[in-house]
Amino acid sequence: MRLGKTALFLSLVILASCSRTPGLFSEQNARAHVQMLAGTIGSRPPGTEAHARARAYVIDQLRIFGYEVRLQETDARRPELGRTARVANIIGVLPGTRREAIGLLSHYDSRADTPGAGDNAFGVAVSLEAARMIAATADRQWTTYILVTDAEEEGLMGAAALMSDPAVRDHLAAYINLESTGASGPSMLFETG
């Protein structure tokens, strides 16, 4: 029941933020972001030049929309997996009148064997287009976080590092994780809690 209330609450906050926004969600803008990330840049495994180009693109877009952007560069640790990885998470912040924040979460890396359109250029594109819409809102109560993590394909390494950051963790009231479109089968909600 708590999850349902949280999802409803977050949906209403996002809809309220967008209702005063000039214009609607632009499929054309979102497709342009997917084309840049998956088409022009292509496969984005961590540590590659393409990975760095994707990171720079996302940072530039968020700054254009008026977000304060910082890069969380740190070593992420997942002891339960026996892994440590260097990550560079993108944290875009658009202040509101309230201290609490809502967030959109996606990841900019991809596996080496794919351009990563569905996993996860799509999620980044939706986050960027929503970021544009929210930035155009005249009266923002909630602070908005656009959280674009690194090394998701390596075992959620960027997400682990992100949630260890008190500046994010202590202010984030709720978030939506935009992860992978899938290629077939029914749509489903997963990883809730």
Foldseek 3Di string as FASTA:
>chain_A
DVLVVQVVVLVVLLCVLLVQFPDDQDPVQLVVLLCVQCPVLNAQAPPDPSVVVQVVVLVVLLVVLPWDKDWDWDWFDDVVVPDIDTWTKIKTKDDAQDQAAEEEEAERHHDPVGSCSQFPSSSSSSLSSSSNRSSRGDHRHHMYIYIYIYDVVVPCRRVRSQCVDCSDVVRYPYYHYRGGPDDDDDDDDDDTD
